[in-house]
Amino acid sequence: MEIRFLSQNDFDGVNRIVRQVHNLHVKNRPDVYRDADPFSKTEFDRLLAGENAFALVAEDAGQVAGFYEMTMKAPPDNPLLQPRIVAHIEDICVNEAYRKKGVGRLLFDAANQEARQRGAVSLELGVWAFNETARHFYEDMGMTERSRVMELKL
């Protein structure tokens, strides 16, 4: 298994696994998510450019086994908050055929190392309450709950 930065040839493989995760969201929250293409070529090209973001892939024998996208958020311009760079996980997707085989952990560790090198002092993400598998994964990686987003359907 090789962990490397996203390359021009990865679009189809990444699009396939991002779609797998998107389908999970559509199934569990159809009130929020549409059944649409979740990863455009424009988004892919933005990631390749690397402006305030980076993406890693896990590759196994020429196949994309996993994908990780992280955005680097600049210190806030707010006198009440500490100036700090935060790395925000936008996506972490593992191909269904590779789940529970350590791919997510390899991507998580490599991305965190890259985020530290870019000056991040914290890693943050949002995870849906229904996605217990993802929540357990993040807890296993040492993440803790910082806040909650709550809703009332009207």
C-alpha atoms as a PDB file:
ATOM      1  CA  MET A   1       0.000   0.000   0.000  1.00  0.00           C
ATOM      2  CA  GLU A   2       1.427   3.355  -1.050  1.00  0.00           C
ATOM      3  CA  ILE A   3       0.251   6.686   0.392  1.00  0.00           C
ATOM      4  CA  ARG A   4       0.930   9.574  -1.977  1.00  0.00           C
ATOM      5  CA  PHE A   5      -0.385  12.933  -3.069  1.00  0.00           C
ATOM      6  CA  LEU A   6      -3.282  13.040  -5.498  1.00  0.00           C
ATOM      7  CA  SER A   7      -2.242  12.893  -9.159  1.00  0.00           C
ATOM      8  CA  GLN A   8      -3.918  13.714 -12.467  1.00  0.00           C
ATOM      9  CA  ASN A   9      -4.641  10.032 -13.157  1.00  0.00           C
ATOM     10  CA  ASP A  10      -6.661   9.521  -9.951  1.00  0.00           C
ATOM     11  CA  PHE A  11      -9.967  11.142 -10.911  1.00  0.00           C
ATOM     12  CA  ASP A  12     -11.919   7.991 -11.801  1.00  0.00           C
ATOM     13  CA  GLY A  13     -10.727   6.000  -8.783  1.00  0.00           C
ATOM     14  CA  VAL A  14     -11.335   8.845  -6.345  1.00  0.00           C
ATOM     15  CA  ASN A  15     -14.709   9.657  -7.875  1.00  0.00           C
ATOM     16  CA  ARG A  16     -15.768   6.015  -7.451  1.00  0.00           C
ATOM     17  CA  ILE A  17     -15.004   5.866  -3.706  1.00  0.00           C
ATOM     18  CA  VAL A  18     -16.292   9.366  -2.943  1.00  0.00           C
ATOM     19  CA  ARG A  19     -19.525   8.185  -4.587  1.00  0.00           C
ATOM     20  CA  GLN A  20     -19.641   5.166  -2.251  1.00  0.00           C
ATOM     21  CA  VAL A  21     -19.511   7.432   0.805  1.00  0.00           C
ATOM     22  CA  HIS A  22     -21.960   9.911  -0.722  1.00  0.00           C
ATOM     23  CA  ASN A  23     -24.446   7.089  -1.288  1.00  0.00           C
ATOM     24  CA  LEU A  24     -24.272   6.333   2.452  1.00  0.00           C
ATOM     25  CA  HIS A  25     -25.167   9.964   3.171  1.00  0.00           C
ATOM     26  CA  VAL A  26     -28.005   9.961   0.626  1.00  0.00           C
ATOM     27  CA  LYS A  27     -29.416   6.752   2.119  1.00  0.00           C
ATOM     28  CA  ASN A  28     -29.296   8.032   5.702  1.00  0.00           C
ATOM     29  CA  ARG A  29     -30.125  11.714   5.153  1.00  0.00           C
ATOM     30  CA  PRO A  30     -32.145  12.086   1.948  1.00  0.00           C
ATOM     31  CA  ASP A  31     -33.585  15.267   3.455  1.00  0.00           C
ATOM     32  CA  VAL A  32     -30.114  16.815   3.186  1.00  0.00           C
ATOM     33  CA  TYR A  33     -28.298  15.018   0.351  1.00  0.00           C
ATOM     34  CA  ARG A  34     -29.269  14.658  -3.296  1.00  0.00           C
ATOM     35  CA  ASP A  35     -28.390  11.657  -5.407  1.00  0.00           C
ATOM     36  CA  ALA A  36     -25.907  13.570  -7.558  1.00  0.00           C
ATOM     37  CA  ASP A  37     -22.270  13.395  -8.572  1.00  0.00           C
ATOM     38  CA  PRO A  38     -20.429  14.347  -5.361  1.00  0.00           C
ATOM     39  CA  PHE A  39     -17.001  15.001  -6.863  1.00  0.00           C
ATOM     40  CA  SER A  40     -16.621  17.209  -9.907  1.00  0.00           C
ATOM     41  CA  LYS A  41     -13.644  17.566 -12.199  1.00  0.00           C
ATOM     42  CA  THR A  42     -13.468  21.225 -11.078  1.00  0.00           C
ATOM     43  CA  GLU A  43     -13.118  20.136  -7.435  1.00  0.00           C
ATOM     44  CA  PHE A  44     -10.529  17.572  -8.458  1.00  0.00           C
ATOM     45  CA  ASP A  45      -8.506  20.221 -10.320  1.00  0.00           C
ATOM     46  CA  ARG A  46      -8.707  22.562  -7.298  1.00  0.00           C
ATOM     47  CA  LEU A  47      -7.223  19.828  -5.127  1.00  0.00           C
ATOM     48  CA  LEU A  48      -4.438  19.247  -7.623  1.00  0.00           C
ATOM     49  CA  ALA A  49      -3.591  22.959  -7.479  1.00  0.00           C
ATOM     50  CA  GLY A  50      -3.150  22.578  -3.722  1.00  0.00           C
ATOM     51  CA  GLU A  51      -4.300  26.036  -2.660  1.00  0.00           C
ATOM     52  CA  ASN A  52      -4.951  25.826   1.101  1.00  0.00           C
ATOM     53  CA  ALA A  53      -5.803  22.160   0.662  1.00  0.00           C
ATOM     54  CA  PHE A  54      -4.200  18.849  -0.130  1.00  0.00           C
ATOM     55  CA  ALA A  55      -5.346  15.363  -0.927  1.00  0.00           C
ATOM     56  CA  LEU A  56      -3.756  11.988  -0.449  1.00  0.00           C
ATOM     57  CA  VAL A  57      -4.596   8.643  -1.957  1.00  0.00           C
ATOM     58  CA  ALA A  58      -3.870   5.134  -0.799  1.00  0.00           C
ATOM     59  CA  GLU A  59      -2.950   3.042  -3.815  1.00  0.00           C
ATOM     60  CA  ASP A  60      -2.796  -0.730  -3.950  1.00  0.00           C
ATOM     61  CA  ALA A  61      -1.591  -2.426  -7.137  1.00  0.00           C
ATOM     62  CA  GLY A  62      -2.642   0.544  -9.262  1.00  0.00           C
ATOM     63  CA  GLN A  63      -6.095   0.865  -7.662  1.00  0.00           C
ATOM     64  CA  VAL A  64      -7.216   3.782  -5.481  1.00  0.00           C
ATOM     65  CA  ALA A  65      -8.053   2.170  -2.161  1.00  0.00           C
ATOM     66  CA  GLY A  66      -8.634   5.373  -0.217  1.00  0.00           C
ATOM     67  CA  PHE A  67      -8.818   9.149  -0.469  1.00  0.00           C
ATOM     68  CA  TYR A  68      -8.242  11.905   2.077  1.00  0.00           C
ATOM     69  CA  GLU A  69      -8.900  15.616   1.537  1.00  0.00           C
ATOM     70  CA  MET A  70      -7.817  18.261   4.024  1.00  0.00           C
ATOM     71  CA  THR A  71      -8.221  22.038   4.033  1.00  0.00           C
ATOM     72  CA  MET A  72      -5.854  24.291   5.928  1.00  0.00           C
ATOM     73  CA  LYS A  73      -7.747  27.096   7.656  1.00  0.00           C
ATOM     74  CA  ALA A  74      -5.856  30.308   8.356  1.00  0.00           C
ATOM     75  CA  PRO A  75      -5.907  31.908  11.800  1.00  0.00           C
ATOM     76  CA  PRO A  76      -9.208  33.707  12.389  1.00  0.00           C
ATOM     77  CA  ASP A  77      -9.285  37.489  12.309  1.00  0.00           C
ATOM     78  CA  ASN A  78     -11.081  37.624  15.626  1.00  0.00           C
ATOM     79  CA  PRO A  79      -9.551  39.199  18.747  1.00  0.00           C
ATOM     80  CA  LEU A  80     -11.450  36.757  20.973  1.00  0.00           C
ATOM     81  CA  LEU A  81      -9.869  33.662  19.428  1.00  0.00           C
ATOM     82  CA  GLN A  82      -6.334  32.378  19.590  1.00  0.00           C
ATOM     83  CA  PRO A  83      -4.529  32.712  16.263  1.00  0.00           C
ATOM     84  CA  ARG A  84      -3.936  29.167  15.123  1.00  0.00           C
ATOM     85  CA  ILE A  85      -3.926  27.154  11.934  1.00  0.00           C
ATOM     86  CA  VAL A  86      -6.486  24.360  11.865  1.00  0.00           C
ATOM     87  CA  ALA A  87      -6.492  21.416   9.484  1.00  0.00           C
ATOM     88  CA  HIS A  88     -10.028  20.405   8.559  1.00  0.00           C
ATOM     89  CA  ILE A  89     -10.835  16.965   7.172  1.00  0.00           C
ATOM     90  CA  GLU A  90     -13.200  17.470   4.262  1.00  0.00           C
ATOM     91  CA  ASP A  91     -13.319  13.839   3.158  1.00  0.00           C
ATOM     92  CA  ILE A  92     -11.857  10.526   4.125  1.00  0.00           C
ATOM     93  CA  CYS A  93     -13.136   7.697   1.975  1.00  0.00           C
ATOM     94  CA  VAL A  94     -12.009   4.101   1.784  1.00  0.00           C
ATOM     95  CA  ASN A  95     -13.100   1.808  -1.014  1.00  0.00           C
ATOM     96  CA  GLU A  96     -15.606  -0.740   0.321  1.00  0.00           C
ATOM     97  CA  ALA A  97     -13.266  -3.576  -0.691  1.00  0.00           C
ATOM     98  CA  TYR A  98     -10.489  -2.147   1.532  1.00  0.00           C
ATOM     99  CA  ARG A  99     -12.415  -1.221   4.674  1.00  0.00           C
ATOM    100  CA  LYS A 100     -11.249  -2.637   8.002  1.00  0.00           C
ATOM    101  CA  LYS A 101      -7.770  -3.271   6.555  1.00  0.00           C
ATOM    102  CA  GLY A 102      -5.859  -0.284   7.969  1.00  0.00           C
ATOM    103  CA  VAL A 103      -6.168   1.988   4.913  1.00  0.00           C
ATOM    104  CA  GLY A 104      -8.011   4.721   6.832  1.00  0.00           C
ATOM    105  CA  ARG A 105      -5.382   4.695   9.572  1.00  0.00           C
ATOM    106  CA  LEU A 106      -2.535   4.972   7.045  1.00  0.00           C
ATOM    107  CA  LEU A 107      -4.236   7.939   5.349  1.00  0.00           C
ATOM    108  CA  PHE A 108      -5.101   9.586   8.671  1.00  0.00           C
ATOM    109  CA  ASP A 109      -1.519   9.349   9.960  1.00  0.00           C
ATOM    110  CA  ALA A 110       0.050  10.578   6.706  1.00  0.00           C
ATOM    111  CA  ALA A 111      -2.384  13.494   6.417  1.00  0.00           C
ATOM    112  CA  ASN A 112      -1.827  14.533  10.029  1.00  0.00           C
ATOM    113  CA  GLN A 113       1.915  14.552   9.486  1.00  0.00           C
ATOM    114  CA  GLU A 114       1.464  16.748   6.396  1.00  0.00           C
ATOM    115  CA  ALA A 115      -0.879  19.086   8.296  1.00  0.00           C
ATOM    116  CA  ARG A 116       1.703  19.486  11.099  1.00  0.00           C
ATOM    117  CA  GLN A 117       4.381  20.308   8.526  1.00  0.00           C
ATOM    118  CA  ARG A 118       2.063  23.002   7.138  1.00  0.00           C
ATOM    119  CA  GLY A 119       1.734  24.567  10.596  1.00  0.00           C
ATOM    120  CA  ALA A 120      -1.550  23.135  11.854  1.00  0.00           C
ATOM    121  CA  VAL A 121      -1.948  22.833  15.608  1.00  0.00           C
ATOM    122  CA  SER A 122      -5.343  21.132  15.533  1.00  0.00           C
ATOM    123  CA  LEU A 123      -7.314  18.739  13.366  1.00  0.00           C
ATOM    124  CA  GLU A 124     -11.089  19.098  13.053  1.00  0.00           C
ATOM    125  CA  LEU A 125     -13.940  17.482  11.143  1.00  0.00           C
ATOM    126  CA  GLY A 126     -17.672  17.050  11.076  1.00  0.00           C
ATOM    127  CA  VAL A 127     -19.225  13.594  11.252  1.00  0.00           C
ATOM    128  CA  TRP A 128     -22.879  12.661  10.975  1.00  0.00           C
ATOM    129  CA  ALA A 129     -24.504  11.183  14.083  1.00  0.00           C
ATOM    130  CA  PHE A 130     -25.819   8.217  12.053  1.00  0.00           C
ATOM    131  CA  ASN A 131     -22.314   7.254  10.916  1.00  0.00           C
ATOM    132  CA  GLU A 132     -21.257   5.213  13.925  1.00  0.00           C
ATOM    133  CA  THR A 133     -18.506   3.447  11.989  1.00  0.00           C
ATOM    134  CA  ALA A 134     -16.827   6.764  11.171  1.00  0.00           C
ATOM    135  CA  ARG A 135     -17.308   8.106  14.707  1.00  0.00           C
ATOM    136  CA  HIS A 136     -15.662   5.016  16.187  1.00  0.00           C
ATOM    137  CA  PHE A 137     -12.812   5.279  13.683  1.00  0.00           C
ATOM    138  CA  TYR A 138     -12.114   8.912  14.642  1.00  0.00           C
ATOM    139  CA  GLU A 139     -12.280   8.066  18.336  1.00  0.00           C
ATOM    140  CA  ASP A 140      -9.813   5.214  17.744  1.00  0.00           C
ATOM    141  CA  MET A 141      -7.536   7.772  16.093  1.00  0.00           C
ATOM    142  CA  GLY A 142      -7.586   9.801  19.316  1.00  0.00           C
ATOM    143  CA  MET A 143     -10.124  12.453  18.354  1.00  0.00           C
ATOM    144  CA  THR A 144     -12.587  13.745  20.938  1.00  0.00           C
ATOM    145  CA  GLU A 145     -15.888  15.554  20.636  1.00  0.00           C
ATOM    146  CA  ARG A 146     -15.504  19.339  20.805  1.00  0.00           C
ATOM    147  CA  SER A 147     -18.975  20.597  19.907  1.00  0.00           C
ATOM    148  CA  ARG A 148     -22.286  19.435  18.501  1.00  0.00           C
ATOM    149  CA  VAL A 149     -24.500  20.690  15.725  1.00  0.00           C
ATOM    150  CA  MET A 150     -28.109  20.143  16.655  1.00  0.00           C
ATOM    151  CA  GLU A 151     -31.237  20.392  14.552  1.00  0.00           C
ATOM    152  CA  LEU A 152     -34.989  20.542  14.800  1.00  0.00           C
ATOM    153  CA  LYS A 153     -36.820  19.465  11.662  1.00  0.00           C
ATOM    154  CA  LEU A 154     -39.714  21.797  10.931  1.00  0.00           C
END
